[in-house]
Amino acid sequence: MEKQNLQEERIDGDVLFEGRMLRIERDTVRLPNGHESSREVVRHPGAVGIIAIQDQQVLLVRQYRYAIAQETLEIPAGKLDPQEPPLDCAVRELREETGYRGTMEHIGTFYTTPGFSDEVMHLYLARDLVWDPLTPDEDEFIGVEKISWDEALRGALKNKYNDAKTILGILLVQGRIR
């Protein structure tokens, strides 16, 4: 079977919105069949998520998420600053959100929603945690919870968390800590 070219070519585009965390663009593209269409794309600088484990417990953060109008229980995470390496961001975010730092191991990278966004998420496993807090961002209000690894894994398998990076991170780490 011959491989089909599925690539779309950008012809023109406009920036619809530019904020402090994202930019929204509308592009005109040429489709593989030669026709034109439009694509709306959310541009995002990327982010990290950290599965932080100590003594068979995982650190999760509870926070209110305005976009979904509810509290979530998630792994610590945060947005990359301009030109910031993902590992540096992971170290900073873990300290800001939980007060801990640890040895970091990269466990995966994925696109969060490639149908309309270029946001890429880098996941890290943090172990050998040491208390070394940084001041949290002034607009973040976070509660830190420690739960057993077994409870966290059961929660991921039973869809207890409504946050994809948390579920994926826990499942990716599962085979590494046993």
N, C-alpha and C. Protein backbone atom coordinates (compact mmCIF):
# COMPACT_ATOMS: atom_id res chain seq x y z
N MET A 1 0.84 -1.18 0.00
CA MET A 1 0.00 0.00 0.00
C MET A 1 0.89 1.25 0.00
N GLU A 2 0.62 2.17 -0.87
CA GLU A 2 1.41 3.39 -1.01
C GLU A 2 1.08 4.37 0.11
N LYS A 3 2.14 4.99 0.67
CA LYS A 3 1.94 5.98 1.73
C LYS A 3 1.39 7.27 1.14
N GLN A 4 0.32 7.76 1.73
CA GLN A 4 -0.35 8.96 1.26
C GLN A 4 0.23 10.19 1.96
N ASN A 5 0.41 11.28 1.21
CA ASN A 5 0.87 12.53 1.79
C ASN A 5 -0.31 13.20 2.49
N LEU A 6 -0.21 13.39 3.79
CA LEU A 6 -1.29 13.98 4.57
C LEU A 6 -0.96 15.40 5.04
N GLN A 7 0.20 15.90 4.66
CA GLN A 7 0.65 17.20 5.16
C GLN A 7 -0.18 18.35 4.61
N GLU A 8 -0.42 19.33 5.49
CA GLU A 8 -1.11 20.56 5.11
C GLU A 8 -0.10 21.69 5.06
N GLU A 9 -0.24 22.57 4.08
CA GLU A 9 0.69 23.69 3.89
C GLU A 9 0.04 25.00 4.30
N ARG A 10 0.73 25.76 5.16
CA ARG A 10 0.23 27.06 5.60
C ARG A 10 0.37 28.06 4.45
N ILE A 11 -0.72 28.75 4.13
CA ILE A 11 -0.72 29.76 3.06
C ILE A 11 -0.68 31.16 3.67
N ASP A 12 -1.47 31.39 4.71
CA ASP A 12 -1.59 32.72 5.32
C ASP A 12 -2.10 32.53 6.74
N GLY A 13 -2.04 33.58 7.55
CA GLY A 13 -2.57 33.46 8.90
C GLY A 13 -2.63 34.78 9.63
N ASP A 14 -3.42 34.78 10.69
CA ASP A 14 -3.59 35.95 11.55
C ASP A 14 -3.49 35.53 13.00
N VAL A 15 -2.98 36.43 13.84
CA VAL A 15 -3.00 36.24 15.29
C VAL A 15 -4.32 36.82 15.79
N LEU A 16 -5.16 35.99 16.40
CA LEU A 16 -6.46 36.43 16.91
C LEU A 16 -6.37 36.97 18.33
N PHE A 17 -5.43 36.42 19.11
CA PHE A 17 -5.28 36.80 20.51
C PHE A 17 -3.87 36.47 20.95
N GLU A 18 -3.30 37.34 21.77
CA GLU A 18 -2.01 37.05 22.38
C GLU A 18 -2.06 37.46 23.84
N GLY A 19 -1.91 36.49 24.73
CA GLY A 19 -1.93 36.73 26.17
C GLY A 19 -0.60 36.38 26.79
N ARG A 20 -0.58 36.32 28.11
CA ARG A 20 0.68 36.02 28.79
C ARG A 20 1.03 34.53 28.76
N MET A 21 0.03 33.68 28.48
CA MET A 21 0.29 32.25 28.50
C MET A 21 0.09 31.56 27.15
N LEU A 22 -0.65 32.17 26.26
CA LEU A 22 -0.91 31.52 24.99
C LEU A 22 -1.23 32.53 23.90
N ARG A 23 -1.16 32.05 22.67
CA ARG A 23 -1.50 32.85 21.49
C ARG A 23 -2.44 32.01 20.64
N ILE A 24 -3.46 32.64 20.08
CA ILE A 24 -4.40 31.93 19.21
C ILE A 24 -4.25 32.48 17.80
N GLU A 25 -4.04 31.56 16.86
CA GLU A 25 -3.85 31.92 15.46
C GLU A 25 -4.93 31.26 14.60
N ARG A 26 -5.28 31.92 13.50
CA ARG A 26 -6.14 31.31 12.48
C ARG A 26 -5.35 31.31 11.18
N ASP A 27 -5.07 30.13 10.67
CA ASP A 27 -4.29 29.97 9.45
C ASP A 27 -5.17 29.45 8.32
N THR A 28 -4.82 29.87 7.11
CA THR A 28 -5.39 29.27 5.90
C THR A 28 -4.37 28.25 5.42
N VAL A 29 -4.84 27.03 5.15
CA VAL A 29 -3.94 25.95 4.74
C VAL A 29 -4.41 25.33 3.42
N ARG A 30 -3.44 24.77 2.71
CA ARG A 30 -3.76 23.98 1.52
C ARG A 30 -3.76 22.51 1.94
N LEU A 31 -4.86 21.84 1.68
CA LEU A 31 -5.04 20.44 2.04
C LEU A 31 -4.34 19.54 1.04
N PRO A 32 -4.12 18.28 1.37
CA PRO A 32 -3.47 17.35 0.44
C PRO A 32 -4.20 17.22 -0.91
N ASN A 33 -5.51 17.46 -0.93
CA ASN A 33 -6.26 17.36 -2.20
C ASN A 33 -6.25 18.68 -2.98
N GLY A 34 -5.51 19.70 -2.48
CA GLY A 34 -5.40 20.97 -3.18
C GLY A 34 -6.40 22.03 -2.74
N HIS A 35 -7.44 21.65 -2.02
CA HIS A 35 -8.42 22.62 -1.53
C HIS A 35 -7.83 23.41 -0.36
N GLU A 36 -8.50 24.52 -0.04
CA GLU A 36 -8.09 25.34 1.10
C GLU A 36 -9.07 25.18 2.25
N SER A 37 -8.54 25.36 3.47
CA SER A 37 -9.37 25.31 4.67
C SER A 37 -8.72 26.21 5.72
N SER A 38 -9.39 26.38 6.85
CA SER A 38 -8.79 27.18 7.93
C SER A 38 -8.53 26.29 9.14
N ARG A 39 -7.53 26.68 9.89
CA ARG A 39 -7.16 25.97 11.12
C ARG A 39 -6.95 27.01 12.22
N GLU A 40 -7.58 26.78 13.37
CA GLU A 40 -7.35 27.61 14.54
C GLU A 40 -6.40 26.85 15.45
N VAL A 41 -5.34 27.52 15.88
CA VAL A 41 -4.29 26.86 16.65
C VAL A 41 -3.97 27.67 17.90
N VAL A 42 -3.92 26.97 19.03
CA VAL A 42 -3.48 27.57 20.28
C VAL A 42 -1.98 27.29 20.41
N ARG A 43 -1.19 28.36 20.45
CA ARG A 43 0.26 28.25 20.62
C ARG A 43 0.58 28.39 22.10
N HIS A 44 1.37 27.45 22.62
CA HIS A 44 1.69 27.41 24.04
C HIS A 44 3.17 27.11 24.20
N PRO A 45 3.84 27.71 25.18
CA PRO A 45 5.29 27.53 25.31
C PRO A 45 5.72 26.15 25.80
N GLY A 46 4.79 25.32 26.24
CA GLY A 46 5.14 24.00 26.75
C GLY A 46 5.09 23.99 28.27
N ALA A 47 5.12 22.80 28.82
CA ALA A 47 4.97 22.65 30.26
C ALA A 47 5.67 21.38 30.74
N VAL A 48 5.72 21.24 32.06
CA VAL A 48 6.26 20.05 32.69
C VAL A 48 5.26 19.53 33.71
N GLY A 49 5.35 18.25 34.02
CA GLY A 49 4.62 17.62 35.10
C GLY A 49 5.58 16.73 35.85
N ILE A 50 5.42 16.65 37.18
CA ILE A 50 6.37 15.91 38.00
C ILE A 50 5.64 14.91 38.87
N ILE A 51 6.02 13.65 38.77
CA ILE A 51 5.53 12.62 39.67
C ILE A 51 6.57 12.51 40.77
N ALA A 52 6.28 13.05 41.93
CA ALA A 52 7.24 13.14 43.04
C ALA A 52 6.92 12.07 44.06
N ILE A 53 7.87 11.16 44.28
CA ILE A 53 7.63 10.01 45.14
C ILE A 53 8.68 9.94 46.24
N GLN A 54 8.19 9.68 47.46
CA GLN A 54 9.08 9.44 48.58
C GLN A 54 8.39 8.48 49.55
N ASP A 55 9.14 7.48 49.98
CA ASP A 55 8.62 6.50 50.94
C ASP A 55 7.29 5.91 50.48
N GLN A 56 7.22 5.52 49.20
CA GLN A 56 6.02 4.92 48.61
C GLN A 56 4.79 5.83 48.70
N GLN A 57 5.04 7.14 48.78
CA GLN A 57 3.96 8.12 48.73
C GLN A 57 4.23 9.08 47.57
N VAL A 58 3.16 9.58 46.97
CA VAL A 58 3.27 10.53 45.88
C VAL A 58 2.70 11.87 46.35
N LEU A 59 3.36 12.95 45.94
CA LEU A 59 2.89 14.29 46.26
C LEU A 59 1.95 14.77 45.16
N LEU A 60 0.75 15.15 45.54
CA LEU A 60 -0.21 15.71 44.61
C LEU A 60 -0.59 17.10 45.09
N VAL A 61 -1.04 17.94 44.18
CA VAL A 61 -1.46 19.29 44.54
C VAL A 61 -2.95 19.45 44.25
N ARG A 62 -3.62 20.08 45.20
CA ARG A 62 -5.04 20.38 45.04
C ARG A 62 -5.15 21.87 44.75
N GLN A 63 -5.88 22.19 43.67
CA GLN A 63 -6.06 23.59 43.32
C GLN A 63 -7.35 23.78 42.55
N TYR A 64 -7.83 25.00 42.59
CA TYR A 64 -9.04 25.34 41.84
C TYR A 64 -8.63 25.68 40.42
N ARG A 65 -9.32 25.06 39.45
CA ARG A 65 -9.06 25.32 38.03
C ARG A 65 -10.24 26.09 37.47
N TYR A 66 -10.01 27.36 37.21
CA TYR A 66 -11.06 28.27 36.78
C TYR A 66 -11.74 27.79 35.49
N ALA A 67 -10.97 27.29 34.52
CA ALA A 67 -11.53 26.90 33.23
C ALA A 67 -12.59 25.81 33.35
N ILE A 68 -12.47 24.95 34.37
CA ILE A 68 -13.47 23.88 34.54
C ILE A 68 -14.32 24.08 35.80
N ALA A 69 -14.09 25.19 36.49
CA ALA A 69 -14.88 25.59 37.67
C ALA A 69 -14.92 24.51 38.74
N GLN A 70 -13.76 23.91 39.02
CA GLN A 70 -13.70 22.92 40.09
C GLN A 70 -12.27 22.72 40.57
N GLU A 71 -12.16 22.13 41.76
CA GLU A 71 -10.85 21.75 42.28
C GLU A 71 -10.40 20.47 41.60
N THR A 72 -9.09 20.36 41.44
CA THR A 72 -8.52 19.14 40.90
C THR A 72 -7.42 18.67 41.84
N LEU A 73 -7.13 17.38 41.77
CA LEU A 73 -5.99 16.78 42.45
C LEU A 73 -5.07 16.32 41.34
N GLU A 74 -3.86 16.91 41.27
CA GLU A 74 -2.96 16.71 40.14
C GLU A 74 -1.53 16.52 40.60
N ILE A 75 -0.69 16.06 39.68
CA ILE A 75 0.74 16.10 39.92
C ILE A 75 1.18 17.56 39.81
N PRO A 76 2.25 17.94 40.51
CA PRO A 76 2.77 19.30 40.34
C PRO A 76 3.15 19.53 38.88
N ALA A 77 2.92 20.74 38.40
CA ALA A 77 3.18 21.03 36.99
C ALA A 77 3.30 22.53 36.80
N GLY A 78 3.79 22.91 35.62
CA GLY A 78 3.87 24.33 35.33
C GLY A 78 4.39 24.61 33.94
N LYS A 79 4.23 25.86 33.55
CA LYS A 79 4.58 26.33 32.21
C LYS A 79 6.07 26.67 32.12
N LEU A 80 6.64 26.34 30.97
CA LEU A 80 8.03 26.72 30.69
C LEU A 80 8.13 28.23 30.51
N ASP A 81 9.16 28.83 31.10
CA ASP A 81 9.48 30.22 30.82
C ASP A 81 10.21 30.29 29.48
N PRO A 82 10.27 31.45 28.83
CA PRO A 82 10.97 31.55 27.54
C PRO A 82 12.41 31.03 27.64
N GLN A 83 12.78 30.16 26.73
CA GLN A 83 14.12 29.57 26.62
C GLN A 83 14.50 28.69 27.81
N GLU A 84 13.56 28.36 28.69
CA GLU A 84 13.88 27.56 29.87
C GLU A 84 13.92 26.08 29.51
N PRO A 85 15.01 25.38 29.84
CA PRO A 85 15.04 23.94 29.62
C PRO A 85 13.98 23.23 30.49
N PRO A 86 13.33 22.19 29.96
CA PRO A 86 12.30 21.49 30.73
C PRO A 86 12.78 20.98 32.09
N LEU A 87 14.00 20.48 32.19
CA LEU A 87 14.49 19.99 33.47
C LEU A 87 14.55 21.11 34.50
N ASP A 88 15.04 22.28 34.11
CA ASP A 88 15.09 23.42 35.03
C ASP A 88 13.69 23.82 35.48
N CYS A 89 12.75 23.79 34.56
CA CYS A 89 11.36 24.12 34.89
C CYS A 89 10.80 23.11 35.88
N ALA A 90 11.08 21.82 35.67
CA ALA A 90 10.58 20.78 36.57
C ALA A 90 11.12 20.98 37.99
N VAL A 91 12.40 21.28 38.11
CA VAL A 91 13.00 21.52 39.42
C VAL A 91 12.33 22.72 40.09
N ARG A 92 12.17 23.82 39.35
CA ARG A 92 11.55 25.03 39.89
C ARG A 92 10.11 24.80 40.30
N GLU A 93 9.33 24.18 39.43
CA GLU A 93 7.90 23.97 39.71
C GLU A 93 7.70 23.06 40.92
N LEU A 94 8.48 22.01 41.04
CA LEU A 94 8.34 21.12 42.19
C LEU A 94 8.61 21.88 43.48
N ARG A 95 9.65 22.71 43.49
CA ARG A 95 9.98 23.50 44.68
C ARG A 95 8.90 24.53 44.98
N GLU A 96 8.39 25.21 43.95
CA GLU A 96 7.36 26.23 44.15
C GLU A 96 6.06 25.63 44.66
N GLU A 97 5.66 24.50 44.09
CA GLU A 97 4.33 23.96 44.40
C GLU A 97 4.30 23.03 45.61
N THR A 98 5.42 22.35 45.92
CA THR A 98 5.41 21.40 47.03
C THR A 98 6.43 21.71 48.11
N GLY A 99 7.45 22.51 47.79
CA GLY A 99 8.52 22.79 48.74
C GLY A 99 9.68 21.81 48.66
N TYR A 100 9.58 20.82 47.78
CA TYR A 100 10.62 19.79 47.70
C TYR A 100 11.42 19.91 46.40
N ARG A 101 12.65 19.41 46.47
CA ARG A 101 13.45 19.17 45.27
C ARG A 101 13.92 17.72 45.34
N GLY A 102 14.32 17.19 44.20
CA GLY A 102 14.77 15.80 44.19
C GLY A 102 15.53 15.48 42.92
N THR A 103 15.99 14.24 42.83
CA THR A 103 16.64 13.81 41.61
C THR A 103 15.57 13.60 40.55
N MET A 104 15.82 14.09 39.36
CA MET A 104 14.82 14.08 38.29
C MET A 104 15.22 13.10 37.20
N GLU A 105 14.24 12.34 36.74
CA GLU A 105 14.41 11.42 35.61
C GLU A 105 13.30 11.71 34.60
N HIS A 106 13.69 12.01 33.36
CA HIS A 106 12.70 12.27 32.31
C HIS A 106 12.02 10.95 31.96
N ILE A 107 10.68 10.94 31.94
CA ILE A 107 9.97 9.69 31.65
C ILE A 107 9.09 9.76 30.42
N GLY A 108 8.94 10.94 29.84
CA GLY A 108 8.12 11.01 28.64
C GLY A 108 7.81 12.42 28.22
N THR A 109 7.46 12.56 26.95
CA THR A 109 7.05 13.84 26.38
C THR A 109 5.87 13.56 25.46
N PHE A 110 4.85 14.41 25.51
CA PHE A 110 3.67 14.20 24.68
C PHE A 110 3.00 15.53 24.38
N TYR A 111 2.19 15.56 23.32
CA TYR A 111 1.36 16.72 23.01
C TYR A 111 0.05 16.56 23.76
N THR A 112 -0.40 17.63 24.42
CA THR A 112 -1.61 17.53 25.23
C THR A 112 -2.88 17.42 24.39
N THR A 113 -3.02 18.24 23.36
CA THR A 113 -4.21 18.24 22.51
C THR A 113 -3.81 18.64 21.09
N PRO A 114 -3.18 17.73 20.32
CA PRO A 114 -2.64 18.10 19.01
C PRO A 114 -3.67 18.45 17.96
N GLY A 115 -4.94 18.27 18.24
CA GLY A 115 -5.97 18.66 17.29
C GLY A 115 -6.11 20.16 17.16
N PHE A 116 -5.70 20.92 18.20
CA PHE A 116 -5.82 22.38 18.11
C PHE A 116 -4.73 23.14 18.86
N SER A 117 -3.76 22.45 19.46
CA SER A 117 -2.73 23.13 20.23
C SER A 117 -1.37 22.50 20.01
N ASP A 118 -0.32 23.32 20.10
CA ASP A 118 1.04 22.78 19.98
C ASP A 118 1.69 22.58 21.36
N GLU A 119 0.90 22.65 22.44
CA GLU A 119 1.46 22.47 23.79
C GLU A 119 2.09 21.09 23.93
N VAL A 120 3.34 21.08 24.36
CA VAL A 120 4.06 19.83 24.63
C VAL A 120 4.31 19.76 26.13
N MET A 121 4.14 18.56 26.69
CA MET A 121 4.30 18.34 28.12
C MET A 121 5.46 17.36 28.32
N HIS A 122 6.38 17.73 29.21
CA HIS A 122 7.52 16.89 29.57
C HIS A 122 7.26 16.35 30.97
N LEU A 123 7.27 15.03 31.12
CA LEU A 123 7.02 14.41 32.42
C LEU A 123 8.33 13.95 33.06
N TYR A 124 8.43 14.18 34.37
CA TYR A 124 9.61 13.79 35.14
C TYR A 124 9.19 13.00 36.37
N LEU A 125 10.04 12.06 36.76
CA LEU A 125 9.91 11.34 38.01
C LEU A 125 10.93 11.95 38.97
N ALA A 126 10.46 12.41 40.14
CA ALA A 126 11.34 12.99 41.16
C ALA A 126 11.39 12.03 42.34
N ARG A 127 12.63 11.73 42.76
CA ARG A 127 12.83 10.87 43.94
C ARG A 127 13.87 11.52 44.84
N ASP A 128 14.16 10.89 45.97
CA ASP A 128 15.14 11.40 46.94
C ASP A 128 14.80 12.85 47.30
N LEU A 129 13.57 13.07 47.70
CA LEU A 129 13.07 14.42 47.95
C LEU A 129 13.67 15.03 49.21
N VAL A 130 14.00 16.32 49.10
CA VAL A 130 14.56 17.10 50.20
C VAL A 130 13.77 18.40 50.29
N TRP A 131 13.45 18.84 51.51
CA TRP A 131 12.71 20.08 51.71
C TRP A 131 13.59 21.27 51.32
N ASP A 132 13.15 22.04 50.34
CA ASP A 132 13.92 23.18 49.84
C ASP A 132 12.96 24.12 49.10
N PRO A 133 12.04 24.78 49.83
CA PRO A 133 10.95 25.50 49.18
C PRO A 133 11.38 26.78 48.46
N LEU A 134 10.61 27.11 47.44
CA LEU A 134 10.65 28.41 46.78
C LEU A 134 9.31 29.08 47.04
N THR A 135 9.26 30.40 46.91
CA THR A 135 8.01 31.12 47.08
C THR A 135 7.09 30.80 45.92
N PRO A 136 5.85 30.39 46.19
CA PRO A 136 4.91 30.12 45.09
C PRO A 136 4.57 31.39 44.32
N ASP A 137 4.08 31.22 43.10
CA ASP A 137 3.59 32.35 42.33
C ASP A 137 2.46 33.02 43.11
N GLU A 138 2.35 34.35 43.00
CA GLU A 138 1.37 35.09 43.81
C GLU A 138 -0.07 34.80 43.42
N ASP A 139 -0.31 34.22 42.24
CA ASP A 139 -1.68 33.91 41.83
C ASP A 139 -2.00 32.42 41.96
N GLU A 140 -1.13 31.68 42.66
CA GLU A 140 -1.37 30.24 42.85
C GLU A 140 -1.73 29.97 44.31
N PHE A 141 -2.80 29.22 44.50
CA PHE A 141 -3.23 28.80 45.83
C PHE A 141 -3.35 27.28 45.79
N ILE A 142 -2.39 26.61 46.41
CA ILE A 142 -2.23 25.17 46.24
C ILE A 142 -2.14 24.49 47.60
N GLY A 143 -2.82 23.36 47.71
CA GLY A 143 -2.67 22.50 48.87
C GLY A 143 -1.93 21.24 48.45
N VAL A 144 -0.96 20.82 49.24
CA VAL A 144 -0.17 19.63 48.92
C VAL A 144 -0.72 18.45 49.71
N GLU A 145 -0.92 17.33 49.02
CA GLU A 145 -1.39 16.11 49.67
C GLU A 145 -0.44 14.97 49.35
N LYS A 146 -0.17 14.14 50.36
CA LYS A 146 0.62 12.93 50.15
C LYS A 146 -0.35 11.76 50.21
N ILE A 147 -0.29 10.92 49.19
CA ILE A 147 -1.10 9.70 49.23
C ILE A 147 -0.21 8.52 48.89
N SER A 148 -0.62 7.36 49.32
CA SER A 148 0.21 6.17 49.06
C SER A 148 0.27 5.93 47.55
N TRP A 149 1.39 5.33 47.15
CA TRP A 149 1.54 5.03 45.73
C TRP A 149 0.42 4.10 45.26
N ASP A 150 0.08 3.11 46.06
CA ASP A 150 -0.98 2.17 45.66
C ASP A 150 -2.31 2.89 45.46
N GLU A 151 -2.64 3.84 46.34
CA GLU A 151 -3.87 4.61 46.20
C GLU A 151 -3.83 5.47 44.93
N ALA A 152 -2.68 6.08 44.66
CA ALA A 152 -2.54 6.90 43.45
C ALA A 152 -2.72 6.05 42.20
N LEU A 153 -2.13 4.87 42.19
CA LEU A 153 -2.26 3.98 41.04
C LEU A 153 -3.70 3.50 40.87
N ARG A 154 -4.35 3.11 41.96
CA ARG A 154 -5.77 2.73 41.88
C ARG A 154 -6.61 3.88 41.33
N GLY A 155 -6.33 5.09 41.80
CA GLY A 155 -7.06 6.26 41.33
C GLY A 155 -6.89 6.48 39.84
N ALA A 156 -5.67 6.31 39.33
CA ALA A 156 -5.43 6.47 37.89
C ALA A 156 -6.15 5.39 37.09
N LEU A 157 -6.11 4.16 37.58
CA LEU A 157 -6.75 3.05 36.86
C LEU A 157 -8.27 3.14 36.90
N LYS A 158 -8.81 3.77 37.94
CA LYS A 158 -10.27 3.89 38.08
C LYS A 158 -10.78 5.27 37.66
N ASN A 159 -9.95 6.05 36.99
CA ASN A 159 -10.34 7.36 36.46
C ASN A 159 -10.80 8.31 37.56
N LYS A 160 -10.12 8.25 38.71
CA LYS A 160 -10.44 9.15 39.83
C LYS A 160 -9.99 10.58 39.54
N TYR A 161 -8.95 10.73 38.75
CA TYR A 161 -8.40 12.05 38.44
C TYR A 161 -8.99 12.55 37.13
N ASN A 162 -9.32 13.83 37.07
CA ASN A 162 -9.86 14.38 35.83
C ASN A 162 -8.80 15.16 35.06
N ASP A 163 -7.54 14.83 35.31
CA ASP A 163 -6.40 15.51 34.70
C ASP A 163 -5.54 14.49 33.97
N ALA A 164 -5.41 14.65 32.65
CA ALA A 164 -4.73 13.66 31.82
C ALA A 164 -3.26 13.47 32.18
N LYS A 165 -2.54 14.56 32.47
CA LYS A 165 -1.11 14.43 32.77
C LYS A 165 -0.90 13.63 34.05
N THR A 166 -1.82 13.75 34.99
CA THR A 166 -1.71 13.01 36.25
C THR A 166 -1.91 11.53 36.00
N ILE A 167 -2.94 11.17 35.26
CA ILE A 167 -3.20 9.76 34.95
C ILE A 167 -2.03 9.17 34.18
N LEU A 168 -1.62 9.85 33.11
CA LEU A 168 -0.52 9.33 32.29
C LEU A 168 0.77 9.23 33.08
N GLY A 169 1.08 10.26 33.86
CA GLY A 169 2.31 10.24 34.65
C GLY A 169 2.36 9.07 35.61
N ILE A 170 1.28 8.84 36.33
CA ILE A 170 1.23 7.73 37.28
C ILE A 170 1.39 6.40 36.55
N LEU A 171 0.70 6.24 35.43
CA LEU A 171 0.80 4.97 34.70
C LEU A 171 2.18 4.76 34.10
N LEU A 172 2.83 5.82 33.63
CA LEU A 172 4.18 5.67 33.09
C LEU A 172 5.19 5.33 34.17
N VAL A 173 5.00 5.85 35.37
CA VAL A 173 5.93 5.59 36.47
C VAL A 173 5.73 4.20 37.06
N GLN A 174 4.54 3.64 36.92
CA GLN A 174 4.19 2.37 37.58
C GLN A 174 5.29 1.32 37.42
N GLY A 175 5.75 1.08 36.21
CA GLY A 175 6.75 0.04 35.99
C GLY A 175 8.14 0.39 36.47
N ARG A 176 8.41 1.65 36.75
CA ARG A 176 9.76 2.09 37.15
C ARG A 176 10.00 1.98 38.64
N ILE A 177 8.96 1.93 39.46
CA ILE A 177 9.19 1.95 40.91
C ILE A 177 8.96 0.60 41.56
N ARG A 178 8.50 -0.37 40.82
CA ARG A 178 8.28 -1.69 41.43
C ARG A 178 9.56 -2.48 41.46
